[in-house]
N, C-alpha and C. Protein backbone atom coordinates (compact mmCIF):
# COMPACT_ATOMS: atom_id res chain seq x y z
N UNK A 1 6.42 -19.48 1.15
CA UNK A 1 6.22 -18.17 1.72
C UNK A 1 4.75 -17.97 2.04
N UNK A 2 4.47 -17.40 3.19
CA UNK A 2 3.09 -17.13 3.61
C UNK A 2 2.50 -16.00 2.77
N UNK A 3 1.18 -16.04 2.63
CA UNK A 3 0.50 -14.95 1.94
C UNK A 3 0.62 -13.70 2.80
N UNK A 4 0.84 -12.57 2.15
CA UNK A 4 1.04 -11.32 2.85
C UNK A 4 -0.09 -10.34 2.54
N UNK A 5 -0.54 -9.65 3.58
CA UNK A 5 -1.52 -8.58 3.45
C UNK A 5 -0.75 -7.27 3.44
N UNK A 6 -0.89 -6.52 2.37
CA UNK A 6 -0.15 -5.27 2.23
C UNK A 6 -0.98 -4.14 2.86
N UNK A 7 -0.40 -3.46 3.82
CA UNK A 7 -1.07 -2.37 4.53
C UNK A 7 -1.15 -1.13 3.64
N UNK A 8 -2.12 -0.30 3.92
CA UNK A 8 -2.32 0.94 3.18
C UNK A 8 -1.08 1.83 3.22
N UNK A 9 -0.35 1.82 4.32
CA UNK A 9 0.85 2.66 4.44
C UNK A 9 1.85 2.35 3.33
N UNK A 10 1.98 1.09 2.98
CA UNK A 10 2.88 0.66 1.91
C UNK A 10 2.33 1.13 0.57
N UNK A 11 1.03 0.98 0.38
CA UNK A 11 0.40 1.35 -0.89
C UNK A 11 0.47 2.86 -1.12
N UNK A 12 0.38 3.63 -0.05
CA UNK A 12 0.51 5.08 -0.18
C UNK A 12 1.93 5.43 -0.60
N UNK A 13 2.92 4.72 -0.09
CA UNK A 13 4.30 4.95 -0.53
C UNK A 13 4.46 4.59 -2.01
N UNK A 14 3.77 3.56 -2.48
CA UNK A 14 3.77 3.23 -3.91
C UNK A 14 3.17 4.40 -4.68
N UNK A 15 2.05 4.88 -4.22
CA UNK A 15 1.36 5.99 -4.88
C UNK A 15 2.26 7.23 -4.96
N UNK A 16 3.04 7.44 -3.94
CA UNK A 16 3.94 8.61 -3.89
C UNK A 16 5.25 8.40 -4.66
N UNK A 17 5.46 7.18 -5.15
CA UNK A 17 6.68 6.88 -5.89
C UNK A 17 7.85 6.51 -5.01
N UNK A 18 7.62 6.29 -3.72
CA UNK A 18 8.69 5.95 -2.78
C UNK A 18 8.99 4.45 -2.77
N UNK A 19 8.07 3.65 -3.28
CA UNK A 19 8.25 2.20 -3.40
C UNK A 19 7.75 1.76 -4.77
N UNK A 20 8.38 0.74 -5.36
CA UNK A 20 7.89 0.23 -6.64
C UNK A 20 6.66 -0.65 -6.44
N UNK A 21 5.78 -0.66 -7.42
CA UNK A 21 4.57 -1.48 -7.35
C UNK A 21 4.87 -2.95 -7.64
N UNK A 22 5.77 -3.23 -8.55
CA UNK A 22 5.98 -4.59 -9.05
C UNK A 22 6.17 -5.66 -7.98
N UNK A 23 7.00 -5.46 -6.97
CA UNK A 23 7.16 -6.53 -5.97
C UNK A 23 5.89 -6.79 -5.16
N UNK A 24 4.98 -5.83 -5.15
CA UNK A 24 3.78 -5.95 -4.34
C UNK A 24 2.62 -6.60 -5.08
N UNK A 25 2.77 -6.81 -6.36
CA UNK A 25 1.66 -7.39 -7.13
C UNK A 25 1.97 -8.82 -7.55
N UNK A 26 2.87 -9.44 -6.85
CA UNK A 26 3.20 -10.83 -7.15
C UNK A 26 2.22 -11.76 -6.44
N UNK A 27 2.24 -13.01 -6.85
CA UNK A 27 1.39 -14.01 -6.20
C UNK A 27 1.71 -14.05 -4.72
N UNK A 28 0.69 -14.24 -3.91
CA UNK A 28 0.89 -14.31 -2.47
C UNK A 28 0.77 -12.96 -1.77
N UNK A 29 0.34 -11.94 -2.49
CA UNK A 29 0.13 -10.62 -1.91
C UNK A 29 -1.33 -10.23 -2.10
N UNK A 30 -1.96 -9.74 -1.04
CA UNK A 30 -3.36 -9.32 -1.08
C UNK A 30 -3.50 -8.01 -0.31
N UNK A 31 -4.65 -7.35 -0.48
CA UNK A 31 -4.96 -6.15 0.30
C UNK A 31 -6.35 -6.28 0.88
N UNK A 32 -6.61 -5.55 1.93
CA UNK A 32 -7.93 -5.51 2.55
C UNK A 32 -8.83 -4.54 1.79
N UNK A 33 -10.12 -4.79 1.80
CA UNK A 33 -11.05 -3.83 1.22
C UNK A 33 -10.99 -2.50 1.97
N UNK A 34 -10.54 -2.52 3.20
CA UNK A 34 -10.35 -1.27 3.95
C UNK A 34 -9.28 -0.42 3.28
N UNK A 35 -8.21 -1.05 2.81
CA UNK A 35 -7.17 -0.32 2.08
C UNK A 35 -7.73 0.25 0.77
N UNK A 36 -8.61 -0.51 0.13
CA UNK A 36 -9.25 0.00 -1.10
C UNK A 36 -9.95 1.31 -0.79
N UNK A 37 -10.74 1.33 0.27
CA UNK A 37 -11.46 2.55 0.65
C UNK A 37 -10.49 3.68 1.00
N UNK A 38 -9.45 3.38 1.74
CA UNK A 38 -8.49 4.42 2.11
C UNK A 38 -7.80 5.01 0.88
N UNK A 39 -7.43 4.16 -0.06
CA UNK A 39 -6.79 4.65 -1.29
C UNK A 39 -7.75 5.51 -2.11
N UNK A 40 -8.99 5.06 -2.26
CA UNK A 40 -9.97 5.82 -3.02
C UNK A 40 -10.31 7.14 -2.32
N UNK A 41 -10.32 7.12 -0.99
CA UNK A 41 -10.52 8.36 -0.23
C UNK A 41 -9.44 9.37 -0.60
N UNK A 42 -8.20 8.90 -0.70
CA UNK A 42 -7.10 9.77 -1.09
C UNK A 42 -7.28 10.35 -2.49
N UNK A 43 -7.85 9.57 -3.40
CA UNK A 43 -8.13 10.07 -4.74
C UNK A 43 -9.14 11.21 -4.65
N UNK A 44 -10.21 10.98 -3.92
CA UNK A 44 -11.27 11.99 -3.80
C UNK A 44 -10.81 13.26 -3.08
N UNK A 45 -9.82 13.12 -2.21
CA UNK A 45 -9.34 14.25 -1.42
C UNK A 45 -8.20 15.02 -2.09
N UNK A 46 -7.79 14.62 -3.27
CA UNK A 46 -6.71 15.32 -3.95
C UNK A 46 -7.06 16.80 -4.12
N UNK A 47 -6.06 17.65 -3.95
CA UNK A 47 -6.32 19.09 -3.96
C UNK A 47 -6.34 19.73 -5.34
N UNK A 48 -6.05 18.93 -6.38
CA UNK A 48 -6.18 19.47 -7.74
C UNK A 48 -6.41 18.31 -8.72
N UNK A 49 -6.86 18.66 -9.90
CA UNK A 49 -7.24 17.64 -10.89
C UNK A 49 -6.05 16.80 -11.33
N UNK A 50 -4.91 17.40 -11.49
CA UNK A 50 -3.72 16.66 -11.92
C UNK A 50 -3.33 15.60 -10.89
N UNK A 51 -3.29 16.00 -9.63
CA UNK A 51 -2.95 15.06 -8.56
C UNK A 51 -4.01 13.96 -8.47
N UNK A 52 -5.26 14.33 -8.62
CA UNK A 52 -6.35 13.35 -8.57
C UNK A 52 -6.18 12.31 -9.67
N UNK A 53 -5.85 12.74 -10.87
CA UNK A 53 -5.66 11.80 -11.99
C UNK A 53 -4.47 10.88 -11.76
N UNK A 54 -3.37 11.42 -11.24
CA UNK A 54 -2.19 10.60 -10.94
C UNK A 54 -2.51 9.56 -9.87
N UNK A 55 -3.16 10.00 -8.80
CA UNK A 55 -3.53 9.06 -7.73
C UNK A 55 -4.48 7.99 -8.25
N UNK A 56 -5.47 8.41 -9.00
CA UNK A 56 -6.45 7.46 -9.52
C UNK A 56 -5.79 6.42 -10.42
N UNK A 57 -4.83 6.83 -11.24
CA UNK A 57 -4.14 5.89 -12.13
C UNK A 57 -3.40 4.83 -11.33
N UNK A 58 -2.69 5.25 -10.28
CA UNK A 58 -1.94 4.29 -9.47
C UNK A 58 -2.90 3.39 -8.70
N UNK A 59 -3.95 3.96 -8.12
CA UNK A 59 -4.91 3.16 -7.36
C UNK A 59 -5.57 2.12 -8.26
N UNK A 60 -5.97 2.52 -9.45
CA UNK A 60 -6.61 1.57 -10.36
C UNK A 60 -5.63 0.48 -10.79
N UNK A 61 -4.36 0.83 -10.94
CA UNK A 61 -3.34 -0.17 -11.26
C UNK A 61 -3.22 -1.18 -10.10
N UNK A 62 -3.19 -0.69 -8.89
CA UNK A 62 -3.12 -1.56 -7.71
C UNK A 62 -4.34 -2.48 -7.66
N UNK A 63 -5.53 -1.87 -7.79
CA UNK A 63 -6.77 -2.65 -7.68
C UNK A 63 -6.89 -3.70 -8.77
N UNK A 64 -6.34 -3.41 -9.94
CA UNK A 64 -6.38 -4.38 -11.02
C UNK A 64 -5.38 -5.51 -10.88
N UNK A 65 -4.39 -5.30 -10.02
CA UNK A 65 -3.30 -6.28 -9.92
C UNK A 65 -3.30 -7.11 -8.64
N UNK A 66 -3.98 -6.64 -7.60
CA UNK A 66 -3.89 -7.30 -6.30
C UNK A 66 -5.28 -7.74 -5.83
N UNK A 67 -5.37 -8.98 -5.40
CA UNK A 67 -6.63 -9.50 -4.87
C UNK A 67 -7.01 -8.75 -3.60
N UNK A 68 -8.31 -8.45 -3.46
CA UNK A 68 -8.81 -7.75 -2.29
C UNK A 68 -9.56 -8.74 -1.39
N UNK A 69 -9.23 -8.70 -0.10
CA UNK A 69 -9.83 -9.59 0.88
C UNK A 69 -11.01 -8.85 1.54
N UNK A 70 -12.21 -9.44 1.49
CA UNK A 70 -13.38 -8.76 2.06
C UNK A 70 -13.46 -8.87 3.58
N UNK A 71 -14.32 -8.04 4.14
CA UNK A 71 -14.68 -8.12 5.55
C UNK A 71 -15.91 -9.03 5.63
N UNK A 72 -15.85 -10.04 6.49
CA UNK A 72 -17.00 -10.92 6.68
C UNK A 72 -17.22 -11.10 8.18
N UNK A 73 -18.15 -11.97 8.54
CA UNK A 73 -18.47 -12.11 9.96
C UNK A 73 -17.31 -12.69 10.76
N UNK A 74 -16.48 -13.51 10.16
CA UNK A 74 -15.31 -14.04 10.88
C UNK A 74 -14.32 -12.93 11.19
N UNK A 75 -14.08 -12.06 10.21
CA UNK A 75 -13.20 -10.91 10.45
C UNK A 75 -13.82 -10.02 11.53
N UNK A 76 -15.13 -9.82 11.47
CA UNK A 76 -15.81 -8.99 12.47
C UNK A 76 -15.67 -9.56 13.87
N UNK A 77 -15.73 -10.89 14.00
CA UNK A 77 -15.56 -11.52 15.32
C UNK A 77 -14.15 -11.27 15.87
N UNK A 78 -13.15 -11.45 15.02
CA UNK A 78 -11.77 -11.20 15.45
C UNK A 78 -11.59 -9.72 15.77
N UNK A 79 -12.13 -8.87 14.93
CA UNK A 79 -12.05 -7.42 15.13
C UNK A 79 -12.60 -7.05 16.51
N UNK A 80 -13.79 -7.55 16.85
CA UNK A 80 -14.41 -7.22 18.12
C UNK A 80 -13.56 -7.69 19.30
N UNK A 81 -13.01 -8.89 19.19
CA UNK A 81 -12.19 -9.43 20.26
C UNK A 81 -10.90 -8.62 20.45
N UNK A 82 -10.22 -8.34 19.34
CA UNK A 82 -8.97 -7.57 19.42
C UNK A 82 -9.26 -6.15 19.91
N UNK A 83 -10.31 -5.55 19.41
CA UNK A 83 -10.71 -4.20 19.82
C UNK A 83 -10.92 -4.14 21.33
N UNK A 84 -11.68 -5.11 21.87
CA UNK A 84 -11.95 -5.14 23.31
C UNK A 84 -10.65 -5.31 24.10
N UNK A 85 -9.80 -6.22 23.63
CA UNK A 85 -8.53 -6.45 24.32
C UNK A 85 -7.63 -5.23 24.32
N UNK A 86 -7.54 -4.56 23.17
CA UNK A 86 -6.71 -3.36 23.09
C UNK A 86 -7.29 -2.24 23.94
N UNK A 87 -8.60 -2.12 23.94
CA UNK A 87 -9.24 -1.09 24.74
C UNK A 87 -8.99 -1.33 26.23
N UNK A 88 -9.10 -2.59 26.66
CA UNK A 88 -8.85 -2.93 28.07
C UNK A 88 -7.42 -2.62 28.48
N UNK A 89 -6.48 -2.79 27.55
CA UNK A 89 -5.07 -2.55 27.88
C UNK A 89 -4.64 -1.11 27.62
N UNK A 90 -5.54 -0.29 27.07
CA UNK A 90 -5.20 1.09 26.78
C UNK A 90 -4.31 1.25 25.57
N UNK A 91 -4.28 0.25 24.71
CA UNK A 91 -3.39 0.23 23.55
C UNK A 91 -4.15 0.33 22.23
N UNK A 92 -5.25 1.03 22.20
CA UNK A 92 -6.10 1.09 21.02
C UNK A 92 -5.34 1.66 19.81
N UNK A 93 -5.71 1.18 18.62
CA UNK A 93 -5.14 1.69 17.38
C UNK A 93 -6.28 2.28 16.54
N UNK A 94 -5.93 2.95 15.47
CA UNK A 94 -6.94 3.57 14.62
C UNK A 94 -7.92 2.54 14.07
N UNK A 95 -9.16 2.97 13.88
CA UNK A 95 -10.25 2.06 13.49
C UNK A 95 -9.94 1.29 12.21
N UNK A 96 -9.48 1.96 11.17
CA UNK A 96 -9.21 1.25 9.92
C UNK A 96 -8.07 0.26 10.09
N UNK A 97 -7.06 0.64 10.84
CA UNK A 97 -5.93 -0.26 11.07
C UNK A 97 -6.37 -1.49 11.87
N UNK A 98 -7.31 -1.31 12.75
CA UNK A 98 -7.83 -2.44 13.52
C UNK A 98 -8.53 -3.44 12.59
N UNK A 99 -9.29 -2.96 11.60
CA UNK A 99 -9.93 -3.86 10.62
C UNK A 99 -8.87 -4.58 9.78
N UNK A 100 -7.82 -3.88 9.39
CA UNK A 100 -6.75 -4.50 8.60
C UNK A 100 -6.06 -5.57 9.43
N UNK A 101 -5.76 -5.27 10.69
CA UNK A 101 -5.13 -6.26 11.58
C UNK A 101 -6.03 -7.47 11.76
N UNK A 102 -7.33 -7.24 11.96
CA UNK A 102 -8.27 -8.35 12.15
C UNK A 102 -8.35 -9.22 10.89
N UNK A 103 -8.27 -8.60 9.74
CA UNK A 103 -8.28 -9.36 8.48
C UNK A 103 -7.05 -10.26 8.40
N UNK A 104 -5.89 -9.70 8.74
CA UNK A 104 -4.66 -10.50 8.73
C UNK A 104 -4.73 -11.65 9.72
N UNK A 105 -5.19 -11.38 10.92
CA UNK A 105 -5.29 -12.43 11.94
C UNK A 105 -6.28 -13.52 11.51
N UNK A 106 -7.42 -13.14 11.01
CA UNK A 106 -8.46 -14.09 10.62
C UNK A 106 -7.96 -15.06 9.56
N UNK A 107 -7.22 -14.54 8.60
CA UNK A 107 -6.79 -15.35 7.46
C UNK A 107 -5.36 -15.88 7.59
N UNK A 108 -4.73 -15.63 8.74
CA UNK A 108 -3.36 -16.12 8.96
C UNK A 108 -2.36 -15.47 8.02
N UNK A 109 -2.53 -14.18 7.75
CA UNK A 109 -1.67 -13.45 6.82
C UNK A 109 -0.63 -12.64 7.58
N UNK A 110 0.53 -12.54 6.99
CA UNK A 110 1.56 -11.65 7.53
C UNK A 110 1.24 -10.24 7.02
N UNK A 111 1.27 -9.25 7.91
CA UNK A 111 0.98 -7.87 7.53
C UNK A 111 2.28 -7.15 7.19
N UNK A 112 2.33 -6.63 5.97
CA UNK A 112 3.48 -5.85 5.51
C UNK A 112 3.11 -4.38 5.67
N UNK A 113 3.89 -3.65 6.46
CA UNK A 113 3.54 -2.27 6.78
C UNK A 113 4.79 -1.41 6.95
N UNK A 114 4.61 -0.12 6.79
CA UNK A 114 5.67 0.83 7.14
C UNK A 114 5.44 1.35 8.55
N UNK A 115 4.41 0.85 9.21
CA UNK A 115 4.00 1.32 10.52
C UNK A 115 4.02 0.19 11.56
N UNK A 116 5.13 -0.48 11.68
CA UNK A 116 5.25 -1.61 12.61
C UNK A 116 4.97 -1.17 14.04
N UNK A 117 5.48 -0.04 14.44
CA UNK A 117 5.32 0.43 15.81
C UNK A 117 3.85 0.52 16.21
N UNK A 118 3.03 0.90 15.26
CA UNK A 118 1.60 1.02 15.50
C UNK A 118 0.94 -0.36 15.62
N UNK A 119 1.23 -1.25 14.67
CA UNK A 119 0.57 -2.55 14.62
C UNK A 119 1.11 -3.55 15.64
N UNK A 120 2.30 -3.32 16.18
CA UNK A 120 2.86 -4.29 17.13
C UNK A 120 2.07 -4.36 18.42
N UNK A 121 1.13 -3.46 18.60
CA UNK A 121 0.24 -3.51 19.77
C UNK A 121 -0.76 -4.66 19.68
N UNK A 122 -0.96 -5.20 18.49
CA UNK A 122 -1.97 -6.23 18.26
C UNK A 122 -1.36 -7.60 18.55
N UNK A 123 -1.83 -8.29 19.59
CA UNK A 123 -1.28 -9.59 19.95
C UNK A 123 -1.46 -10.62 18.83
N UNK A 124 -0.39 -11.37 18.58
CA UNK A 124 -0.46 -12.47 17.62
C UNK A 124 -0.34 -12.08 16.17
N UNK A 125 -0.21 -10.79 15.87
CA UNK A 125 -0.13 -10.33 14.49
C UNK A 125 1.29 -10.49 13.97
N UNK A 126 1.44 -11.20 12.85
CA UNK A 126 2.73 -11.37 12.21
C UNK A 126 3.01 -10.15 11.34
N UNK A 127 4.13 -9.48 11.60
CA UNK A 127 4.46 -8.24 10.91
C UNK A 127 5.76 -8.34 10.13
N UNK A 128 5.79 -7.64 9.00
CA UNK A 128 7.02 -7.46 8.23
C UNK A 128 7.15 -5.98 7.95
N UNK A 129 8.27 -5.40 8.39
CA UNK A 129 8.51 -3.98 8.18
C UNK A 129 8.94 -3.74 6.74
N UNK A 130 8.36 -2.72 6.15
CA UNK A 130 8.73 -2.28 4.79
C UNK A 130 9.21 -0.84 4.93
N UNK A 131 10.35 -0.58 4.35
CA UNK A 131 10.88 0.79 4.37
C UNK A 131 10.85 1.35 2.97
N UNK A 132 10.39 2.58 2.86
CA UNK A 132 10.36 3.24 1.56
C UNK A 132 11.73 3.83 1.28
N UNK A 133 11.95 4.17 0.03
CA UNK A 133 13.23 4.79 -0.35
C UNK A 133 13.33 6.20 0.22
N UNK A 134 12.20 6.76 0.70
CA UNK A 134 12.21 8.08 1.29
C UNK A 134 12.40 8.04 2.79
N UNK A 135 12.43 6.84 3.39
CA UNK A 135 12.65 6.72 4.84
C UNK A 135 14.09 7.03 5.16
N UNK A 136 14.31 7.55 6.35
CA UNK A 136 15.69 7.84 6.74
C UNK A 136 16.30 6.72 7.51
């Protein structure tokens, strides 16, 4: 099985209790440092102390269990190329998602996401759709 990069959308569903964490922390699963930032942003943006503590507990559990893939110059090169191509075709995606896609492409990782429709705009990106228990 190929190594899989877990998208933030999946991790947010874990945080919300819509998906279990255990299958995502097995060998062969990694996350981007961009997802780390997005998850921590959610902790900081919690609207009350109780929610902040719950989010922080889940995020720290994820960070302790899953290897994080850094952004380096190779990822930046792929990012710039994909960004230019998407911009030329009018198919641009959100900035953080573009970094996650570039990370997956650079390292030959399959991207596991609940947002396939969004990421399918990226040429050559291997995608696996994940559905939460709250999806219809």
